[in-house]
Amino acid sequence: MQALLFLMALVLPSGAGAEEIVGGVESRPHSRPYMAHLKITTEKGYVTFCGGFLISRQFVLTAAHCNGREITVTLGTHDVSKRESTQQKIKVEKQIIHKNYNFFSNIHDIMLLKLEKEVELCLAVRVVPLPSPSDFIDPGTMCQAAGWGQTGVTDPTSYTYTLREVELRIMDVEACKIFSEYDYNFQMCVGSPGRMRSGDSGGGPLLCAGVAHGIVSHGREDAKPPAVFTRISPYVSWINIVLSASS
């Protein structure tokens, strides 16, 4: 699984050490109660991590590339290195990857996780609304992303265990022409020109006006923007069908 060193906009200017966080801020604890932390055991037995977000009491939405042999979801957490009283850890019963997902092109990078049991909704654990199928965000719109993950581009050992967040801008389709398989109908071009960012392995949400419009998918290996997010609106009908079939 290729880590996406982009999400949290921890800007590392020339001359700054990898541990120096210049941009991006730590989230107020539990201010984003829909956030889910995914601990993934891969088919080869390695352990890796992704982000995700709660869309119903028993389903988490994330990126398809975050699949694995076994996944445990932690909700209601701010610092994943600690045992917080608000945490709910639940194993994933079923991983539902979009049938058209292409590992090589990263198209349709979206997956639903059915939890073994319903979560207990509280102040620290809430669902996030999804857009309508026809809702496309215009370029120039400012949105917010959040996640856990690497804080350094040159130092892969640097990691933030607390949730961080940043504002990101929706960019014109031309900005993502560097990605040969980019498809505006199913993906979003996100970032701010000339900045270097870092983040987790993907799967976290992009919120615009409080609605989850995108999922962190992939970016450049040098961590420079833009990055590609999966556009959620084209998949809302599929999501509703899966949720209805499981009710």
C-alpha atoms as a PDB file:
ATOM      1  CA  MET A   1       0.000   0.000   0.000  1.00  0.00           C
ATOM      2  CA  GLN A   2       1.569   3.250  -1.108  1.00  0.00           C
ATOM      3  CA  ALA A   3       1.419   5.902   1.581  1.00  0.00           C
ATOM      4  CA  LEU A   4      -0.041   9.223   0.530  1.00  0.00           C
ATOM      5  CA  LEU A   5       2.272  11.887   1.962  1.00  0.00           C
ATOM      6  CA  PHE A   6      -0.165  14.714   1.530  1.00  0.00           C
ATOM      7  CA  LEU A   7      -3.163  14.870   3.783  1.00  0.00           C
ATOM      8  CA  MET A   8      -2.439  17.152   6.696  1.00  0.00           C
ATOM      9  CA  ALA A   9      -0.633  20.064   5.040  1.00  0.00           C
ATOM     10  CA  LEU A  10       2.335  20.010   7.349  1.00  0.00           C
ATOM     11  CA  VAL A  11       4.367  22.403   5.256  1.00  0.00           C
ATOM     12  CA  LEU A  12       8.102  21.728   5.195  1.00  0.00           C
ATOM     13  CA  PRO A  13       9.858  24.717   3.603  1.00  0.00           C
ATOM     14  CA  SER A  14      13.432  24.665   2.354  1.00  0.00           C
ATOM     15  CA  GLY A  15      15.802  24.252   5.279  1.00  0.00           C
ATOM     16  CA  ALA A  16      13.192  22.988   7.710  1.00  0.00           C
ATOM     17  CA  GLY A  17      13.706  19.710   9.479  1.00  0.00           C
ATOM     18  CA  ALA A  18      11.222  16.943   8.798  1.00  0.00           C
ATOM     19  CA  GLU A  19      10.040  17.138  12.391  1.00  0.00           C
ATOM     20  CA  GLU A  20       9.182  20.827  12.111  1.00  0.00           C
ATOM     21  CA  ILE A  21       5.469  21.345  11.672  1.00  0.00           C
ATOM     22  CA  VAL A  22       4.837  24.713  10.075  1.00  0.00           C
ATOM     23  CA  GLY A  23       1.278  24.366   8.782  1.00  0.00           C
ATOM     24  CA  GLY A  24      -1.700  22.273   9.759  1.00  0.00           C
ATOM     25  CA  VAL A  25      -3.119  22.134  13.262  1.00  0.00           C
ATOM     26  CA  GLU A  26      -4.053  19.539  15.812  1.00  0.00           C
ATOM     27  CA  SER A  27      -7.813  19.029  15.904  1.00  0.00           C
ATOM     28  CA  ARG A  28      -9.739  19.885  19.030  1.00  0.00           C
ATOM     29  CA  PRO A  29     -10.273  16.490  20.696  1.00  0.00           C
ATOM     30  CA  HIS A  30     -13.410  14.768  19.385  1.00  0.00           C
ATOM     31  CA  SER A  31     -14.434  17.760  17.265  1.00  0.00           C
ATOM     32  CA  ARG A  32     -14.587  15.388  14.277  1.00  0.00           C
ATOM     33  CA  PRO A  33     -16.572  12.501  15.798  1.00  0.00           C
ATOM     34  CA  TYR A  34     -17.067  10.753  12.448  1.00  0.00           C
ATOM     35  CA  MET A  35     -13.340   9.981  12.068  1.00  0.00           C
ATOM     36  CA  ALA A  36     -12.302   6.322  12.135  1.00  0.00           C
ATOM     37  CA  HIS A  37      -8.806   4.918  12.590  1.00  0.00           C
ATOM     38  CA  LEU A  38      -8.203   1.657  10.712  1.00  0.00           C
ATOM     39  CA  LYS A  39      -5.630  -0.904  11.834  1.00  0.00           C
ATOM     40  CA  ILE A  40      -5.087  -3.247   8.898  1.00  0.00           C
ATOM     41  CA  THR A  41      -3.396  -6.631   8.796  1.00  0.00           C
ATOM     42  CA  THR A  42      -2.413  -7.219   5.173  1.00  0.00           C
ATOM     43  CA  GLU A  43      -2.551 -10.530   3.315  1.00  0.00           C
ATOM     44  CA  LYS A  44       1.202 -10.905   3.954  1.00  0.00           C
ATOM     45  CA  GLY A  45       0.782 -10.290   7.677  1.00  0.00           C
ATOM     46  CA  TYR A  46       2.079  -6.724   7.849  1.00  0.00           C
ATOM     47  CA  VAL A  47       0.288  -4.093   9.914  1.00  0.00           C
ATOM     48  CA  THR A  48      -0.558  -0.733   8.370  1.00  0.00           C
ATOM     49  CA  PHE A  49      -3.047   2.072   8.983  1.00  0.00           C
ATOM     50  CA  CYS A  50      -5.653   4.115   7.138  1.00  0.00           C
ATOM     51  CA  GLY A  51      -8.317   6.645   7.912  1.00  0.00           C
ATOM     52  CA  GLY A  52     -12.038   6.311   7.357  1.00  0.00           C
ATOM     53  CA  PHE A  53     -15.318   7.858   8.446  1.00  0.00           C
ATOM     54  CA  LEU A  54     -18.601   6.710   9.927  1.00  0.00           C
ATOM     55  CA  ILE A  55     -21.637   7.033   7.623  1.00  0.00           C
ATOM     56  CA  SER A  56     -24.099   4.867   9.572  1.00  0.00           C
ATOM     57  CA  ARG A  57     -24.145   3.012  12.878  1.00  0.00           C
ATOM     58  CA  GLN A  58     -22.612  -0.050  11.240  1.00  0.00           C
ATOM     59  CA  PHE A  59     -20.704   1.212   8.194  1.00  0.00           C
ATOM     60  CA  VAL A  60     -17.444   3.062   7.675  1.00  0.00           C
ATOM     61  CA  LEU A  61     -16.445   4.527   4.305  1.00  0.00           C
ATOM     62  CA  THR A  62     -12.796   4.460   3.237  1.00  0.00           C
ATOM     63  CA  ALA A  63     -10.526   3.892   0.226  1.00  0.00           C
ATOM     64  CA  ALA A  64     -10.463   0.520  -1.540  1.00  0.00           C
ATOM     65  CA  HIS A  65      -6.663   0.438  -1.306  1.00  0.00           C
ATOM     66  CA  CYS A  66      -7.076   0.181   2.477  1.00  0.00           C
ATOM     67  CA  ASN A  67      -8.309  -3.416   2.224  1.00  0.00           C
ATOM     68  CA  GLY A  68      -6.581  -6.259   4.045  1.00  0.00           C
ATOM     69  CA  ARG A  69      -6.907  -9.678   5.624  1.00  0.00           C
ATOM     70  CA  GLU A  70      -8.293  -8.181   8.825  1.00  0.00           C
ATOM     71  CA  ILE A  71      -9.311  -4.668   9.856  1.00  0.00           C
ATOM     72  CA  THR A  72     -10.094  -3.225  13.283  1.00  0.00           C
ATOM     73  CA  VAL A  73     -11.815   0.158  13.424  1.00  0.00           C
ATOM     74  CA  THR A  74     -11.364   2.571  16.313  1.00  0.00           C
ATOM     75  CA  LEU A  75     -13.962   5.320  16.689  1.00  0.00           C
ATOM     76  CA  GLY A  76     -14.151   8.145  19.212  1.00  0.00           C
ATOM     77  CA  THR A  77     -10.377   8.524  19.343  1.00  0.00           C
ATOM     78  CA  HIS A  78      -8.138  11.579  19.281  1.00  0.00           C
ATOM     79  CA  ASP A  79      -4.770  10.126  20.304  1.00  0.00           C
ATOM     80  CA  VAL A  80      -4.452   6.626  18.854  1.00  0.00           C
ATOM     81  CA  SER A  81      -1.455   5.848  21.080  1.00  0.00           C
ATOM     82  CA  LYS A  82      -3.631   6.029  24.206  1.00  0.00           C
ATOM     83  CA  ARG A  83      -6.630   4.168  25.581  1.00  0.00           C
ATOM     84  CA  GLU A  84      -9.316   6.826  25.786  1.00  0.00           C
ATOM     85  CA  SER A  85     -12.631   6.287  27.552  1.00  0.00           C
ATOM     86  CA  THR A  86     -14.466   7.460  24.433  1.00  0.00           C
ATOM     87  CA  GLN A  87     -12.922   4.837  22.152  1.00  0.00           C
ATOM     88  CA  GLN A  88     -14.967   2.100  20.530  1.00  0.00           C
ATOM     89  CA  LYS A  89     -12.916  -0.646  18.871  1.00  0.00           C
ATOM     90  CA  ILE A  90     -14.870  -2.907  16.538  1.00  0.00           C
ATOM     91  CA  LYS A  91     -13.678  -5.525  14.063  1.00  0.00           C
ATOM     92  CA  VAL A  92     -14.796  -5.377  10.459  1.00  0.00           C
ATOM     93  CA  GLU A  93     -17.196  -8.140   9.486  1.00  0.00           C
ATOM     94  CA  LYS A  94     -17.156  -7.492   5.741  1.00  0.00           C
ATOM     95  CA  GLN A  95     -15.085  -5.428   3.312  1.00  0.00           C
ATOM     96  CA  ILE A  96     -17.115  -4.292   0.308  1.00  0.00           C
ATOM     97  CA  ILE A  97     -14.798  -2.982  -2.397  1.00  0.00           C
ATOM     98  CA  HIS A  98     -16.390  -1.284  -5.396  1.00  0.00           C
ATOM     99  CA  LYS A  99     -16.581  -3.879  -8.156  1.00  0.00           C
ATOM    100  CA  ASN A 100     -14.852  -1.583 -10.662  1.00  0.00           C
ATOM    101  CA  TYR A 101     -11.894  -0.654  -8.463  1.00  0.00           C
ATOM    102  CA  ASN A 102      -8.637  -0.702 -10.410  1.00  0.00           C
ATOM    103  CA  PHE A 103      -5.491  -1.016  -8.308  1.00  0.00           C
ATOM    104  CA  PHE A 104      -3.240   0.268 -11.080  1.00  0.00           C
ATOM    105  CA  SER A 105      -5.248   3.321 -12.166  1.00  0.00           C
ATOM    106  CA  ASN A 106      -6.725   4.058  -8.694  1.00  0.00           C
ATOM    107  CA  ILE A 107     -10.141   4.617 -10.281  1.00  0.00           C
ATOM    108  CA  HIS A 108     -13.132   3.741  -8.060  1.00  0.00           C
ATOM    109  CA  ASP A 109     -10.903   3.768  -4.966  1.00  0.00           C
ATOM    110  CA  ILE A 110     -13.783   3.373  -2.522  1.00  0.00           C
ATOM    111  CA  MET A 111     -14.787   0.700  -0.003  1.00  0.00           C
ATOM    112  CA  LEU A 112     -17.486   0.161   2.598  1.00  0.00           C
ATOM    113  CA  LEU A 113     -16.652  -1.592   5.860  1.00  0.00           C
ATOM    114  CA  LYS A 114     -19.459  -3.377   7.670  1.00  0.00           C
ATOM    115  CA  LEU A 115     -18.704  -3.538  11.377  1.00  0.00           C
ATOM    116  CA  GLU A 116     -19.404  -6.640  13.479  1.00  0.00           C
ATOM    117  CA  LYS A 117     -21.878  -4.613  15.532  1.00  0.00           C
ATOM    118  CA  GLU A 118     -23.488  -1.204  15.574  1.00  0.00           C
ATOM    119  CA  VAL A 119     -21.604   1.618  17.256  1.00  0.00           C
ATOM    120  CA  GLU A 120     -22.985   3.512  20.212  1.00  0.00           C
ATOM    121  CA  LEU A 121     -23.579   7.072  19.070  1.00  0.00           C
ATOM    122  CA  CYS A 122     -22.438   9.765  21.522  1.00  0.00           C
ATOM    123  CA  LEU A 123     -20.705  13.148  21.488  1.00  0.00           C
ATOM    124  CA  ALA A 124     -17.425  11.496  20.447  1.00  0.00           C
ATOM    125  CA  VAL A 125     -18.946   9.162  17.827  1.00  0.00           C
ATOM    126  CA  ARG A 126     -21.247  10.523  15.122  1.00  0.00           C
ATOM    127  CA  VAL A 127     -22.073   9.874  11.484  1.00  0.00           C
ATOM    128  CA  VAL A 128     -21.195  12.383   8.754  1.00  0.00           C
ATOM    129  CA  PRO A 129     -23.600  13.361   5.936  1.00  0.00           C
ATOM    130  CA  LEU A 130     -22.924  12.428   2.318  1.00  0.00           C
ATOM    131  CA  PRO A 131     -23.655  14.527  -0.780  1.00  0.00           C
ATOM    132  CA  SER A 132     -26.460  13.939  -3.266  1.00  0.00           C
ATOM    133  CA  PRO A 133     -25.561  12.008  -6.454  1.00  0.00           C
ATOM    134  CA  SER A 134     -25.622  15.234  -8.496  1.00  0.00           C
ATOM    135  CA  ASP A 135     -23.576  17.327  -6.069  1.00  0.00           C
ATOM    136  CA  PHE A 136     -20.208  18.288  -7.631  1.00  0.00           C
ATOM    137  CA  ILE A 137     -17.960  20.752  -5.804  1.00  0.00           C
ATOM    138  CA  ASP A 138     -16.664  23.662  -7.888  1.00  0.00           C
ATOM    139  CA  PRO A 139     -12.915  24.388  -8.245  1.00  0.00           C
ATOM    140  CA  GLY A 140     -11.756  27.057  -5.838  1.00  0.00           C
ATOM    141  CA  THR A 141     -13.910  25.755  -2.983  1.00  0.00           C
ATOM    142  CA  MET A 142     -12.113  25.477   0.340  1.00  0.00           C
ATOM    143  CA  CYS A 143     -12.654  22.208   2.199  1.00  0.00           C
ATOM    144  CA  GLN A 144     -11.183  20.440   5.226  1.00  0.00           C
ATOM    145  CA  ALA A 145      -9.329  17.160   5.618  1.00  0.00           C
ATOM    146  CA  ALA A 146      -8.187  15.373   8.751  1.00  0.00           C
ATOM    147  CA  GLY A 147      -6.161  12.328   9.632  1.00  0.00           C
ATOM    148  CA  TRP A 148      -3.358  10.625  11.483  1.00  0.00           C
ATOM    149  CA  GLY A 149      -0.045   9.705   9.893  1.00  0.00           C
ATOM    150  CA  GLN A 150       3.456  10.754   8.911  1.00  0.00           C
ATOM    151  CA  THR A 151       4.513  14.319   9.621  1.00  0.00           C
ATOM    152  CA  GLY A 152       7.736  14.210   7.652  1.00  0.00           C
ATOM    153  CA  VAL A 153       8.444  13.631   3.997  1.00  0.00           C
ATOM    154  CA  THR A 154      12.138  12.772   4.435  1.00  0.00           C
ATOM    155  CA  ASP A 155      11.774  10.992   7.776  1.00  0.00           C
ATOM    156  CA  PRO A 156       9.296   8.076   7.529  1.00  0.00           C
ATOM    157  CA  THR A 157       9.608   7.442  11.283  1.00  0.00           C
ATOM    158  CA  SER A 158       7.992  10.759  12.178  1.00  0.00           C
ATOM    159  CA  TYR A 159       4.365  10.153  13.017  1.00  0.00           C
ATOM    160  CA  THR A 160       1.519  12.014  14.672  1.00  0.00           C
ATOM    161  CA  TYR A 161      -0.728   9.969  16.952  1.00  0.00           C
ATOM    162  CA  THR A 162      -3.178  12.836  17.453  1.00  0.00           C
ATOM    163  CA  LEU A 163      -5.728  13.834  14.851  1.00  0.00           C
ATOM    164  CA  ARG A 164      -4.705  16.807  12.708  1.00  0.00           C
ATOM    165  CA  GLU A 165      -6.632  18.868  10.182  1.00  0.00           C
ATOM    166  CA  VAL A 166      -6.070  21.325   7.374  1.00  0.00           C
ATOM    167  CA  GLU A 167      -7.911  23.413   4.820  1.00  0.00           C
ATOM    168  CA  LEU A 168      -7.434  22.363   1.186  1.00  0.00           C
ATOM    169  CA  ARG A 169      -8.612  23.868  -2.079  1.00  0.00           C
ATOM    170  CA  ILE A 170     -10.430  22.113  -4.903  1.00  0.00           C
ATOM    171  CA  MET A 171      -8.321  22.653  -8.008  1.00  0.00           C
ATOM    172  CA  ASP A 172      -9.084  22.771 -11.729  1.00  0.00           C
ATOM    173  CA  VAL A 173      -8.945  19.524 -13.676  1.00  0.00           C
ATOM    174  CA  GLU A 174      -5.832  20.759 -15.515  1.00  0.00           C
ATOM    175  CA  ALA A 175      -3.841  20.609 -12.274  1.00  0.00           C
ATOM    176  CA  CYS A 176      -4.236  16.822 -12.160  1.00  0.00           C
ATOM    177  CA  LYS A 177      -3.211  16.116 -15.740  1.00  0.00           C
ATOM    178  CA  ILE A 178       0.059  14.847 -14.275  1.00  0.00           C
ATOM    179  CA  PHE A 179      -1.968  11.763 -13.323  1.00  0.00           C
ATOM    180  CA  SER A 180      -2.527   9.965 -16.621  1.00  0.00           C
ATOM    181  CA  GLU A 181      -5.605   8.087 -15.391  1.00  0.00           C
ATOM    182  CA  TYR A 182      -7.293  11.050 -13.705  1.00  0.00           C
ATOM    183  CA  ASP A 183     -11.069  11.101 -14.289  1.00  0.00           C
ATOM    184  CA  TYR A 184     -12.998  14.222 -13.255  1.00  0.00           C
ATOM    185  CA  ASN A 185     -16.268  12.274 -13.125  1.00  0.00           C
ATOM    186  CA  PHE A 186     -15.013  10.025 -10.338  1.00  0.00           C
ATOM    187  CA  GLN A 187     -12.139  11.956  -8.774  1.00  0.00           C
ATOM    188  CA  MET A 188     -11.318  15.347  -7.261  1.00  0.00           C
ATOM    189  CA  CYS A 189      -8.118  17.351  -7.712  1.00  0.00           C
ATOM    190  CA  VAL A 190      -7.124  18.770  -4.335  1.00  0.00           C
ATOM    191  CA  GLY A 191      -4.296  20.868  -2.961  1.00  0.00           C
ATOM    192  CA  SER A 192      -2.526  24.213  -2.969  1.00  0.00           C
ATOM    193  CA  PRO A 193       0.222  24.934  -5.521  1.00  0.00           C
ATOM    194  CA  GLY A 194       3.834  25.086  -4.361  1.00  0.00           C
ATOM    195  CA  ARG A 195       3.410  23.415  -1.003  1.00  0.00           C
ATOM    196  CA  MET A 196       4.664  20.142   0.375  1.00  0.00           C
ATOM    197  CA  ARG A 197       2.455  18.150   2.659  1.00  0.00           C
ATOM    198  CA  SER A 198       2.356  14.926   4.614  1.00  0.00           C
ATOM    199  CA  GLY A 199      -0.267  12.559   5.920  1.00  0.00           C
ATOM    200  CA  ASP A 200      -1.549   9.038   6.318  1.00  0.00           C
ATOM    201  CA  SER A 201      -2.111   6.172   3.908  1.00  0.00           C
ATOM    202  CA  GLY A 202      -5.461   7.461   2.738  1.00  0.00           C
ATOM    203  CA  GLY A 203      -9.118   6.704   3.303  1.00  0.00           C
ATOM    204  CA  GLY A 204      -9.918   9.850   5.282  1.00  0.00           C
ATOM    205  CA  PRO A 205     -12.685  12.261   4.273  1.00  0.00           C
ATOM    206  CA  LEU A 206     -12.668  15.652   2.590  1.00  0.00           C
ATOM    207  CA  LEU A 207     -15.430  17.810   4.070  1.00  0.00           C
ATOM    208  CA  CYS A 208     -16.919  20.767   2.250  1.00  0.00           C
ATOM    209  CA  ALA A 209     -19.520  22.758   4.224  1.00  0.00           C
ATOM    210  CA  GLY A 210     -19.865  19.853   6.648  1.00  0.00           C
ATOM    211  CA  VAL A 211     -20.552  17.219   3.973  1.00  0.00           C
ATOM    212  CA  ALA A 212     -18.131  14.418   3.048  1.00  0.00           C
ATOM    213  CA  HIS A 213     -17.387  14.932  -0.649  1.00  0.00           C
ATOM    214  CA  GLY A 214     -14.085  13.100  -1.092  1.00  0.00           C
ATOM    215  CA  ILE A 215     -11.862  10.253   0.091  1.00  0.00           C
ATOM    216  CA  VAL A 216      -8.070  10.504   0.224  1.00  0.00           C
ATOM    217  CA  SER A 217      -6.814   8.285  -2.616  1.00  0.00           C
ATOM    218  CA  HIS A 218      -3.311   8.924  -3.945  1.00  0.00           C
ATOM    219  CA  GLY A 219      -0.704  11.527  -4.786  1.00  0.00           C
ATOM    220  CA  ARG A 220       2.861  12.074  -5.952  1.00  0.00           C
ATOM    221  CA  GLU A 221       5.750  10.210  -4.360  1.00  0.00           C
ATOM    222  CA  ASP A 222       7.520  13.501  -3.594  1.00  0.00           C
ATOM    223  CA  ALA A 223       4.449  14.603  -1.595  1.00  0.00           C
ATOM    224  CA  LYS A 224       3.938  17.756  -3.629  1.00  0.00           C
ATOM    225  CA  PRO A 225       0.392  18.741  -4.563  1.00  0.00           C
ATOM    226  CA  PRO A 226      -1.989  18.218  -6.119  1.00  0.00           C
ATOM    227  CA  ALA A 227      -3.397  14.943  -4.833  1.00  0.00           C
ATOM    228  CA  VAL A 228      -6.324  12.890  -6.038  1.00  0.00           C
ATOM    229  CA  PHE A 229      -9.383  12.219  -3.895  1.00  0.00           C
ATOM    230  CA  THR A 230     -12.204   9.844  -4.833  1.00  0.00           C
ATOM    231  CA  ARG A 231     -15.351  11.862  -5.538  1.00  0.00           C
ATOM    232  CA  ILE A 232     -18.167  10.471  -3.356  1.00  0.00           C
ATOM    233  CA  SER A 233     -21.280  11.782  -5.153  1.00  0.00           C
ATOM    234  CA  PRO A 234     -21.142   9.279  -8.085  1.00  0.00           C
ATOM    235  CA  TYR A 235     -21.184   6.420  -5.571  1.00  0.00           C
ATOM    236  CA  VAL A 236     -24.035   7.534  -3.318  1.00  0.00           C
ATOM    237  CA  SER A 237     -26.570   5.258  -5.054  1.00  0.00           C
ATOM    238  CA  TRP A 238     -24.199   2.283  -4.681  1.00  0.00           C
ATOM    239  CA  ILE A 239     -23.634   3.143  -1.024  1.00  0.00           C
ATOM    240  CA  ASN A 240     -27.379   3.310  -0.354  1.00  0.00           C
ATOM    241  CA  ILE A 241     -27.940  -0.053  -2.059  1.00  0.00           C
ATOM    242  CA  VAL A 242     -25.272  -1.717   0.102  1.00  0.00           C
ATOM    243  CA  LEU A 243     -26.628  -0.176   3.299  1.00  0.00           C
ATOM    244  CA  SER A 244     -30.226  -1.138   2.430  1.00  0.00           C
ATOM    245  CA  ALA A 245     -29.231  -4.721   1.654  1.00  0.00           C
ATOM    246  CA  SER A 246     -27.618  -5.019   5.076  1.00  0.00           C
ATOM    247  CA  SER A 247     -30.496  -3.581   7.088  1.00  0.00           C
END
